[in-house]
Amino acid sequence: MTEIDLAAIDAERTRIRDTYLQPDGRRPASSARGLHHFAVVARDVEETVRFYQEILEFPLTEIFENRDYKGSNHFFFDIGNGNLLAFFDFPGLDVGPYAEVLGGLHHIAISVEPATWERLKGRLTDAGVEYLEESGTSIYFRDPNGARLELICDPLGEMYGSSVL
């Protein structure tokens, strides 16, 4: 394992912040309207629907055939604020288990109100889903497909008391 030079990492972070981060009043508006959907692979459609709709309370909004693979489903869940979490399944293909790899997806963070966070934490417990609670505002866990999720009760645009937007 290589030794990490923390001073160099901090200096590089400072250089990037100083070069590219503009203060809120000078920052241009984004060209994006928002997150349309984030797509993840599902190993079992019904298991995934039950988890997201019944445990996490994210309503299923649509399911139709995936245009890229005949017989595959493309299905969507409402995660609030006009945003969707989508899934594909690939029947007949052995996509293997979910693998979290360096350079790949780490986790999906979804903001919920504090009271909802407490309720969903209880629902995860009742369903036997293991989770890790961090800083009193985040819960990390895996969905039935193995993807790591975070429920965070900080407001959108904030993280652990700091503004990120």
N, C-alpha and C. Protein backbone atom coordinates (compact mmCIF):
# COMPACT_ATOMS: atom_id res chain seq x y z
N MET A 1 0.85 -1.19 0.00
CA MET A 1 0.00 0.00 0.00
C MET A 1 0.89 1.24 0.00
N THR A 2 0.54 2.19 -0.83
CA THR A 2 1.33 3.42 -0.91
C THR A 2 0.98 4.34 0.26
N GLU A 3 1.99 5.08 0.66
CA GLU A 3 1.79 6.05 1.72
C GLU A 3 1.10 7.28 1.14
N ILE A 4 0.15 7.80 1.87
CA ILE A 4 -0.62 8.96 1.41
C ILE A 4 -0.01 10.23 1.99
N ASP A 5 0.24 11.19 1.13
CA ASP A 5 0.78 12.48 1.55
C ASP A 5 -0.41 13.42 1.78
N LEU A 6 -0.90 13.47 3.02
CA LEU A 6 -2.09 14.27 3.34
C LEU A 6 -1.88 15.76 3.10
N ALA A 7 -0.68 16.25 3.33
CA ALA A 7 -0.41 17.67 3.09
C ALA A 7 -0.55 17.99 1.60
N ALA A 8 -0.07 17.09 0.75
CA ALA A 8 -0.19 17.30 -0.70
C ALA A 8 -1.65 17.22 -1.14
N ILE A 9 -2.39 16.31 -0.55
CA ILE A 9 -3.82 16.19 -0.89
C ILE A 9 -4.57 17.47 -0.47
N ASP A 10 -4.28 17.96 0.74
CA ASP A 10 -4.91 19.20 1.20
C ASP A 10 -4.54 20.38 0.31
N ALA A 11 -3.27 20.45 -0.10
CA ALA A 11 -2.83 21.53 -0.97
C ALA A 11 -3.53 21.46 -2.32
N GLU A 12 -3.71 20.25 -2.85
CA GLU A 12 -4.39 20.09 -4.15
C GLU A 12 -5.87 20.47 -4.03
N ARG A 13 -6.52 20.08 -2.93
CA ARG A 13 -7.91 20.47 -2.70
C ARG A 13 -8.04 21.99 -2.64
N THR A 14 -7.13 22.63 -1.94
CA THR A 14 -7.14 24.09 -1.84
C THR A 14 -6.92 24.73 -3.21
N ARG A 15 -5.99 24.19 -3.99
CA ARG A 15 -5.73 24.73 -5.33
C ARG A 15 -6.98 24.62 -6.21
N ILE A 16 -7.63 23.48 -6.19
CA ILE A 16 -8.83 23.30 -7.00
C ILE A 16 -9.94 24.23 -6.53
N ARG A 17 -10.14 24.32 -5.20
CA ARG A 17 -11.16 25.23 -4.66
C ARG A 17 -10.87 26.66 -5.09
N ASP A 18 -9.63 27.11 -4.94
CA ASP A 18 -9.27 28.48 -5.30
C ASP A 18 -9.39 28.75 -6.79
N THR A 19 -9.13 27.74 -7.61
CA THR A 19 -9.18 27.90 -9.06
C THR A 19 -10.60 27.88 -9.60
N TYR A 20 -11.45 26.99 -9.09
CA TYR A 20 -12.74 26.74 -9.73
C TYR A 20 -13.99 27.13 -8.92
N LEU A 21 -13.92 27.16 -7.62
CA LEU A 21 -15.11 27.42 -6.81
C LEU A 21 -15.38 28.91 -6.74
N GLN A 22 -16.55 29.30 -7.25
CA GLN A 22 -16.94 30.70 -7.22
C GLN A 22 -17.93 30.91 -6.09
N PRO A 23 -17.86 32.07 -5.42
CA PRO A 23 -18.81 32.34 -4.35
C PRO A 23 -20.24 32.36 -4.89
N ASP A 24 -21.19 32.07 -4.01
CA ASP A 24 -22.59 31.94 -4.39
C ASP A 24 -23.08 33.10 -5.26
N GLY A 25 -22.77 34.30 -4.94
CA GLY A 25 -23.25 35.44 -5.72
C GLY A 25 -22.66 35.54 -7.12
N ARG A 26 -21.51 34.92 -7.35
CA ARG A 26 -20.84 34.99 -8.66
C ARG A 26 -20.96 33.70 -9.45
N ARG A 27 -21.49 32.66 -8.83
CA ARG A 27 -21.60 31.35 -9.48
C ARG A 27 -22.69 31.39 -10.54
N PRO A 28 -22.41 30.93 -11.76
CA PRO A 28 -23.44 30.93 -12.80
C PRO A 28 -24.51 29.88 -12.51
N ALA A 29 -25.68 30.09 -13.08
CA ALA A 29 -26.76 29.11 -12.95
C ALA A 29 -26.37 27.84 -13.71
N SER A 30 -26.85 26.73 -13.23
CA SER A 30 -26.60 25.46 -13.91
C SER A 30 -27.40 25.38 -15.20
N SER A 31 -26.86 24.68 -16.17
CA SER A 31 -27.59 24.47 -17.42
C SER A 31 -28.63 23.35 -17.27
N ALA A 32 -28.56 22.58 -16.17
CA ALA A 32 -29.47 21.45 -15.96
C ALA A 32 -30.76 21.89 -15.27
N ARG A 33 -31.84 21.17 -15.55
CA ARG A 33 -33.11 21.39 -14.86
C ARG A 33 -33.21 20.58 -13.58
N GLY A 34 -32.45 19.49 -13.51
CA GLY A 34 -32.49 18.61 -12.35
C GLY A 34 -32.11 17.21 -12.77
N LEU A 35 -32.15 16.29 -11.83
CA LEU A 35 -31.84 14.90 -12.11
C LEU A 35 -33.09 14.23 -12.66
N HIS A 36 -33.06 13.82 -13.92
CA HIS A 36 -34.22 13.16 -14.51
C HIS A 36 -34.39 11.78 -13.88
N HIS A 37 -33.36 10.95 -13.99
CA HIS A 37 -33.35 9.68 -13.28
C HIS A 37 -31.93 9.17 -13.16
N PHE A 38 -31.76 8.36 -12.19
CA PHE A 38 -30.50 7.67 -11.95
C PHE A 38 -30.83 6.20 -12.15
N ALA A 39 -30.11 5.48 -13.00
CA ALA A 39 -30.46 4.10 -13.34
C ALA A 39 -29.49 3.10 -12.72
N VAL A 40 -30.07 2.04 -12.15
CA VAL A 40 -29.32 0.99 -11.48
C VAL A 40 -29.86 -0.35 -11.99
N VAL A 41 -29.06 -1.39 -11.94
CA VAL A 41 -29.50 -2.71 -12.38
C VAL A 41 -30.18 -3.44 -11.23
N ALA A 42 -31.32 -4.05 -11.52
CA ALA A 42 -32.06 -4.83 -10.53
C ALA A 42 -31.95 -6.31 -10.88
N ARG A 43 -31.76 -7.13 -9.88
CA ARG A 43 -31.71 -8.57 -10.13
C ARG A 43 -33.09 -9.20 -10.13
N ASP A 44 -34.04 -8.58 -9.40
CA ASP A 44 -35.40 -9.10 -9.29
C ASP A 44 -36.35 -7.91 -9.23
N VAL A 45 -37.22 -7.79 -10.24
CA VAL A 45 -38.11 -6.62 -10.34
C VAL A 45 -39.04 -6.53 -9.13
N GLU A 46 -39.74 -7.60 -8.83
CA GLU A 46 -40.73 -7.52 -7.75
C GLU A 46 -40.08 -7.26 -6.39
N GLU A 47 -38.96 -7.90 -6.12
CA GLU A 47 -38.23 -7.67 -4.87
C GLU A 47 -37.82 -6.20 -4.77
N THR A 48 -37.37 -5.65 -5.87
CA THR A 48 -36.94 -4.25 -5.88
C THR A 48 -38.13 -3.32 -5.68
N VAL A 49 -39.26 -3.61 -6.34
CA VAL A 49 -40.47 -2.79 -6.17
C VAL A 49 -40.93 -2.84 -4.72
N ARG A 50 -40.99 -4.02 -4.14
CA ARG A 50 -41.43 -4.13 -2.74
C ARG A 50 -40.52 -3.34 -1.82
N PHE A 51 -39.21 -3.42 -2.01
CA PHE A 51 -38.27 -2.72 -1.13
C PHE A 51 -38.46 -1.21 -1.23
N TYR A 52 -38.43 -0.70 -2.45
CA TYR A 52 -38.48 0.76 -2.60
C TYR A 52 -39.86 1.33 -2.31
N GLN A 53 -40.90 0.63 -2.68
CA GLN A 53 -42.25 1.17 -2.48
C GLN A 53 -42.77 0.89 -1.06
N GLU A 54 -42.56 -0.32 -0.55
CA GLU A 54 -43.16 -0.67 0.73
C GLU A 54 -42.29 -0.29 1.93
N ILE A 55 -40.98 -0.41 1.81
CA ILE A 55 -40.11 -0.08 2.94
C ILE A 55 -39.69 1.39 2.91
N LEU A 56 -39.20 1.85 1.75
CA LEU A 56 -38.71 3.23 1.67
C LEU A 56 -39.79 4.25 1.32
N GLU A 57 -40.97 3.76 0.93
CA GLU A 57 -42.10 4.64 0.62
C GLU A 57 -41.85 5.52 -0.61
N PHE A 58 -41.12 4.99 -1.60
CA PHE A 58 -40.91 5.67 -2.87
C PHE A 58 -41.87 5.03 -3.87
N PRO A 59 -42.93 5.72 -4.28
CA PRO A 59 -43.93 5.10 -5.15
C PRO A 59 -43.37 4.73 -6.53
N LEU A 60 -43.78 3.54 -6.99
CA LEU A 60 -43.50 3.13 -8.36
C LEU A 60 -44.33 4.01 -9.28
N THR A 61 -43.70 4.65 -10.25
CA THR A 61 -44.43 5.57 -11.13
C THR A 61 -44.67 5.02 -12.52
N GLU A 62 -43.83 4.08 -12.97
CA GLU A 62 -44.02 3.51 -14.32
C GLU A 62 -43.14 2.29 -14.48
N ILE A 63 -43.58 1.38 -15.34
CA ILE A 63 -42.78 0.23 -15.73
C ILE A 63 -43.11 -0.08 -17.19
N PHE A 64 -42.07 -0.21 -18.01
CA PHE A 64 -42.27 -0.55 -19.42
C PHE A 64 -41.04 -1.29 -19.92
N GLU A 65 -41.12 -1.80 -21.13
CA GLU A 65 -40.00 -2.55 -21.68
C GLU A 65 -38.83 -1.63 -21.98
N ASN A 66 -37.65 -2.08 -21.61
CA ASN A 66 -36.42 -1.35 -21.88
C ASN A 66 -36.17 -1.37 -23.39
N ARG A 67 -36.00 -0.23 -24.00
CA ARG A 67 -35.80 -0.16 -25.45
C ARG A 67 -34.48 -0.77 -25.90
N ASP A 68 -33.54 -0.93 -24.98
CA ASP A 68 -32.22 -1.43 -25.35
C ASP A 68 -32.07 -2.95 -25.25
N TYR A 69 -33.06 -3.62 -24.62
CA TYR A 69 -32.93 -5.07 -24.43
C TYR A 69 -34.34 -5.65 -24.33
N LYS A 70 -34.77 -6.37 -25.34
CA LYS A 70 -36.11 -6.96 -25.38
C LYS A 70 -36.33 -7.86 -24.17
N GLY A 71 -37.50 -7.72 -23.56
CA GLY A 71 -37.86 -8.51 -22.39
C GLY A 71 -37.40 -7.92 -21.08
N SER A 72 -36.58 -6.87 -21.16
CA SER A 72 -36.08 -6.20 -19.96
C SER A 72 -37.06 -5.11 -19.54
N ASN A 73 -37.16 -4.90 -18.24
CA ASN A 73 -38.02 -3.85 -17.69
C ASN A 73 -37.20 -2.60 -17.37
N HIS A 74 -37.83 -1.47 -17.54
CA HIS A 74 -37.28 -0.18 -17.11
C HIS A 74 -38.36 0.39 -16.20
N PHE A 75 -38.04 0.56 -14.92
CA PHE A 75 -39.08 1.01 -13.99
C PHE A 75 -38.55 2.10 -13.08
N PHE A 76 -39.47 2.93 -12.62
CA PHE A 76 -39.13 4.20 -11.99
C PHE A 76 -39.81 4.38 -10.64
N PHE A 77 -39.10 5.03 -9.71
CA PHE A 77 -39.64 5.38 -8.41
C PHE A 77 -39.51 6.89 -8.21
N ASP A 78 -40.52 7.49 -7.62
CA ASP A 78 -40.52 8.91 -7.28
C ASP A 78 -39.71 9.09 -6.01
N ILE A 79 -38.61 9.85 -6.09
CA ILE A 79 -37.80 10.14 -4.90
C ILE A 79 -37.93 11.61 -4.50
N GLY A 80 -39.02 12.23 -4.96
CA GLY A 80 -39.32 13.59 -4.54
C GLY A 80 -38.68 14.66 -5.39
N ASN A 81 -39.25 15.85 -5.30
CA ASN A 81 -38.69 17.04 -5.95
C ASN A 81 -38.55 16.88 -7.47
N GLY A 82 -39.43 16.04 -8.07
CA GLY A 82 -39.38 15.84 -9.51
C GLY A 82 -38.26 14.92 -9.97
N ASN A 83 -37.66 14.17 -9.06
CA ASN A 83 -36.54 13.28 -9.38
C ASN A 83 -36.97 11.82 -9.32
N LEU A 84 -36.31 11.00 -10.14
CA LEU A 84 -36.65 9.58 -10.22
C LEU A 84 -35.42 8.71 -10.01
N LEU A 85 -35.65 7.54 -9.42
CA LEU A 85 -34.67 6.49 -9.35
C LEU A 85 -35.18 5.38 -10.25
N ALA A 86 -34.39 4.96 -11.20
CA ALA A 86 -34.83 3.97 -12.19
C ALA A 86 -34.00 2.70 -12.08
N PHE A 87 -34.60 1.62 -12.57
CA PHE A 87 -33.93 0.32 -12.58
C PHE A 87 -34.16 -0.37 -13.91
N PHE A 88 -33.22 -1.21 -14.27
CA PHE A 88 -33.33 -2.13 -15.41
C PHE A 88 -33.14 -3.53 -14.85
N ASP A 89 -33.81 -4.49 -15.45
CA ASP A 89 -33.42 -5.88 -15.23
C ASP A 89 -33.01 -6.43 -16.58
N PHE A 90 -32.26 -7.48 -16.59
CA PHE A 90 -31.78 -8.08 -17.83
C PHE A 90 -31.99 -9.58 -17.78
N PRO A 91 -33.26 -10.03 -17.95
CA PRO A 91 -33.52 -11.46 -17.88
C PRO A 91 -32.72 -12.23 -18.92
N GLY A 92 -32.21 -13.38 -18.48
CA GLY A 92 -31.43 -14.20 -19.38
C GLY A 92 -29.96 -13.87 -19.41
N LEU A 93 -29.57 -12.75 -18.84
CA LEU A 93 -28.15 -12.37 -18.76
C LEU A 93 -27.68 -12.56 -17.33
N ASP A 94 -26.53 -13.10 -17.16
CA ASP A 94 -25.96 -13.24 -15.83
C ASP A 94 -25.13 -12.00 -15.55
N VAL A 95 -25.79 -10.97 -15.00
CA VAL A 95 -25.07 -9.73 -14.72
C VAL A 95 -24.23 -9.84 -13.46
N GLY A 96 -24.42 -10.93 -12.71
CA GLY A 96 -23.64 -11.15 -11.49
C GLY A 96 -24.09 -10.24 -10.37
N PRO A 97 -23.52 -10.41 -9.20
CA PRO A 97 -23.89 -9.58 -8.06
C PRO A 97 -23.37 -8.15 -8.22
N TYR A 98 -24.02 -7.24 -7.53
CA TYR A 98 -23.58 -5.85 -7.52
C TYR A 98 -22.14 -5.80 -6.99
N ALA A 99 -21.32 -4.99 -7.62
CA ALA A 99 -19.93 -4.83 -7.17
C ALA A 99 -19.62 -3.35 -7.03
N GLU A 100 -19.25 -2.97 -5.83
CA GLU A 100 -18.81 -1.59 -5.60
C GLU A 100 -17.31 -1.58 -5.87
N VAL A 101 -16.91 -0.85 -6.89
CA VAL A 101 -15.51 -0.83 -7.29
C VAL A 101 -14.98 0.60 -7.29
N LEU A 102 -13.69 0.75 -7.10
CA LEU A 102 -13.08 2.07 -7.19
C LEU A 102 -13.32 2.61 -8.60
N GLY A 103 -13.77 3.83 -8.67
CA GLY A 103 -14.07 4.43 -9.96
C GLY A 103 -15.51 4.22 -10.38
N GLY A 104 -16.28 3.45 -9.60
CA GLY A 104 -17.68 3.19 -9.91
C GLY A 104 -18.59 3.89 -8.91
N LEU A 105 -19.86 3.53 -8.97
CA LEU A 105 -20.85 4.11 -8.07
C LEU A 105 -20.50 3.77 -6.62
N HIS A 106 -20.48 4.77 -5.77
CA HIS A 106 -20.23 4.54 -4.36
C HIS A 106 -21.54 4.41 -3.61
N HIS A 107 -22.40 5.42 -3.69
CA HIS A 107 -23.72 5.33 -3.08
C HIS A 107 -24.63 6.39 -3.66
N ILE A 108 -25.93 6.20 -3.44
CA ILE A 108 -26.95 7.16 -3.86
C ILE A 108 -27.50 7.79 -2.58
N ALA A 109 -27.38 9.10 -2.45
CA ALA A 109 -27.84 9.80 -1.25
C ALA A 109 -29.18 10.48 -1.56
N ILE A 110 -30.18 10.17 -0.74
CA ILE A 110 -31.53 10.70 -0.94
C ILE A 110 -31.93 11.45 0.32
N SER A 111 -32.34 12.69 0.14
CA SER A 111 -32.73 13.55 1.25
C SER A 111 -34.18 13.29 1.65
N VAL A 112 -34.40 13.16 2.95
CA VAL A 112 -35.75 13.02 3.49
C VAL A 112 -35.89 13.95 4.70
N GLU A 113 -37.11 14.30 5.03
CA GLU A 113 -37.37 15.12 6.22
C GLU A 113 -36.94 14.35 7.47
N PRO A 114 -36.53 15.06 8.54
CA PRO A 114 -36.09 14.37 9.76
C PRO A 114 -37.11 13.37 10.32
N ALA A 115 -38.39 13.72 10.36
CA ALA A 115 -39.40 12.79 10.89
C ALA A 115 -39.52 11.56 9.98
N THR A 116 -39.40 11.76 8.68
CA THR A 116 -39.45 10.65 7.73
C THR A 116 -38.22 9.78 7.90
N TRP A 117 -37.07 10.39 8.13
CA TRP A 117 -35.82 9.67 8.36
C TRP A 117 -35.98 8.71 9.54
N GLU A 118 -36.55 9.20 10.62
CA GLU A 118 -36.77 8.36 11.81
C GLU A 118 -37.72 7.22 11.48
N ARG A 119 -38.81 7.52 10.78
CA ARG A 119 -39.79 6.49 10.42
C ARG A 119 -39.15 5.43 9.52
N LEU A 120 -38.40 5.87 8.50
CA LEU A 120 -37.78 4.92 7.57
C LEU A 120 -36.69 4.09 8.26
N LYS A 121 -35.99 4.69 9.21
CA LYS A 121 -35.01 3.94 9.98
C LYS A 121 -35.71 2.80 10.72
N GLY A 122 -36.89 3.07 11.27
CA GLY A 122 -37.67 2.04 11.93
C GLY A 122 -38.16 0.97 10.97
N ARG A 123 -38.53 1.39 9.77
CA ARG A 123 -39.00 0.42 8.76
C ARG A 123 -37.85 -0.48 8.32
N LEU A 124 -36.65 0.08 8.17
CA LEU A 124 -35.48 -0.73 7.83
C LEU A 124 -35.19 -1.74 8.94
N THR A 125 -35.26 -1.28 10.19
CA THR A 125 -35.05 -2.17 11.32
C THR A 125 -36.08 -3.30 11.31
N ASP A 126 -37.35 -2.92 11.14
CA ASP A 126 -38.43 -3.93 11.13
C ASP A 126 -38.26 -4.94 10.00
N ALA A 127 -37.71 -4.50 8.88
CA ALA A 127 -37.51 -5.38 7.73
C ALA A 127 -36.22 -6.19 7.82
N GLY A 128 -35.44 -5.95 8.88
CA GLY A 128 -34.20 -6.69 9.05
C GLY A 128 -33.07 -6.21 8.17
N VAL A 129 -33.17 -4.98 7.68
CA VAL A 129 -32.12 -4.41 6.83
C VAL A 129 -31.05 -3.80 7.73
N GLU A 130 -29.82 -4.28 7.59
CA GLU A 130 -28.72 -3.73 8.37
C GLU A 130 -28.36 -2.35 7.83
N TYR A 131 -28.06 -1.43 8.74
CA TYR A 131 -27.64 -0.09 8.32
C TYR A 131 -26.61 0.44 9.29
N LEU A 132 -25.91 1.46 8.83
CA LEU A 132 -24.93 2.16 9.63
C LEU A 132 -25.41 3.60 9.75
N GLU A 133 -25.56 4.07 10.97
CA GLU A 133 -25.97 5.46 11.19
C GLU A 133 -24.73 6.30 11.42
N GLU A 134 -24.65 7.44 10.72
CA GLU A 134 -23.51 8.34 10.83
C GLU A 134 -23.98 9.75 11.16
N SER A 135 -23.34 10.38 12.12
CA SER A 135 -23.52 11.80 12.45
C SER A 135 -24.95 12.17 12.82
N GLY A 136 -25.80 11.19 13.10
CA GLY A 136 -27.18 11.49 13.48
C GLY A 136 -28.03 12.02 12.35
N THR A 137 -27.49 12.04 11.13
CA THR A 137 -28.26 12.55 9.99
C THR A 137 -28.25 11.62 8.79
N SER A 138 -27.41 10.59 8.81
CA SER A 138 -27.29 9.70 7.66
C SER A 138 -27.43 8.24 8.08
N ILE A 139 -28.09 7.48 7.21
CA ILE A 139 -28.17 6.03 7.36
C ILE A 139 -27.65 5.45 6.05
N TYR A 140 -26.69 4.53 6.14
CA TYR A 140 -26.16 3.84 4.96
C TYR A 140 -26.60 2.38 5.02
N PHE A 141 -27.07 1.87 3.89
CA PHE A 141 -27.53 0.48 3.82
C PHE A 141 -27.50 0.04 2.37
N ARG A 142 -27.75 -1.24 2.15
CA ARG A 142 -27.78 -1.78 0.79
C ARG A 142 -29.20 -2.19 0.44
N ASP A 143 -29.56 -1.96 -0.83
CA ASP A 143 -30.87 -2.41 -1.32
C ASP A 143 -30.77 -3.90 -1.65
N PRO A 144 -31.86 -4.54 -2.06
CA PRO A 144 -31.80 -5.97 -2.34
C PRO A 144 -30.85 -6.34 -3.49
N ASN A 145 -30.50 -5.37 -4.31
CA ASN A 145 -29.59 -5.60 -5.43
C ASN A 145 -28.13 -5.42 -5.03
N GLY A 146 -27.90 -4.91 -3.83
CA GLY A 146 -26.54 -4.69 -3.34
C GLY A 146 -26.06 -3.25 -3.45
N ALA A 147 -26.84 -2.39 -4.11
CA ALA A 147 -26.44 -0.98 -4.25
C ALA A 147 -26.50 -0.30 -2.88
N ARG A 148 -25.50 0.53 -2.59
CA ARG A 148 -25.47 1.25 -1.32
C ARG A 148 -26.29 2.54 -1.44
N LEU A 149 -27.13 2.76 -0.46
CA LEU A 149 -27.96 3.95 -0.39
C LEU A 149 -27.65 4.71 0.89
N GLU A 150 -27.93 5.99 0.84
CA GLU A 150 -27.86 6.82 2.04
C GLU A 150 -29.17 7.59 2.13
N LEU A 151 -29.81 7.52 3.29
CA LEU A 151 -30.91 8.43 3.59
C LEU A 151 -30.32 9.50 4.48
N ILE A 152 -30.44 10.75 4.07
CA ILE A 152 -29.85 11.86 4.80
C ILE A 152 -30.97 12.85 5.13
N CYS A 153 -31.00 13.29 6.38
CA CYS A 153 -32.08 14.21 6.77
C CYS A 153 -31.63 15.66 6.78
N ASP A 154 -30.43 15.93 6.30
CA ASP A 154 -30.05 17.33 6.07
C ASP A 154 -30.89 17.86 4.91
N PRO A 155 -31.22 19.14 4.92
CA PRO A 155 -31.97 19.71 3.80
C PRO A 155 -31.18 19.59 2.49
N LEU A 156 -31.90 19.59 1.38
CA LEU A 156 -31.24 19.62 0.08
C LEU A 156 -30.30 20.82 0.05
N GLY A 157 -29.13 20.63 -0.48
CA GLY A 157 -28.16 21.73 -0.57
C GLY A 157 -27.31 21.91 0.67
N GLU A 158 -27.51 21.05 1.69
CA GLU A 158 -26.68 21.10 2.90
C GLU A 158 -26.14 19.72 3.20
N MET A 159 -25.00 19.68 3.85
CA MET A 159 -24.43 18.42 4.29
C MET A 159 -23.73 18.64 5.61
N TYR A 160 -24.21 17.95 6.63
CA TYR A 160 -23.66 18.02 7.98
C TYR A 160 -23.52 19.46 8.46
N GLY A 161 -24.55 20.27 8.19
CA GLY A 161 -24.58 21.64 8.67
C GLY A 161 -23.88 22.65 7.78
N SER A 162 -23.27 22.21 6.70
CA SER A 162 -22.59 23.14 5.78
C SER A 162 -23.37 23.22 4.47
N SER A 163 -23.41 24.40 3.92
CA SER A 163 -24.06 24.58 2.61
C SER A 163 -23.15 24.02 1.52
N VAL A 164 -23.72 23.20 0.63
CA VAL A 164 -22.96 22.67 -0.50
C VAL A 164 -23.57 23.14 -1.82
N LEU A 165 -24.57 23.97 -1.71
CA LEU A 165 -25.23 24.51 -2.91
C LEU A 165 -25.37 26.01 -2.79
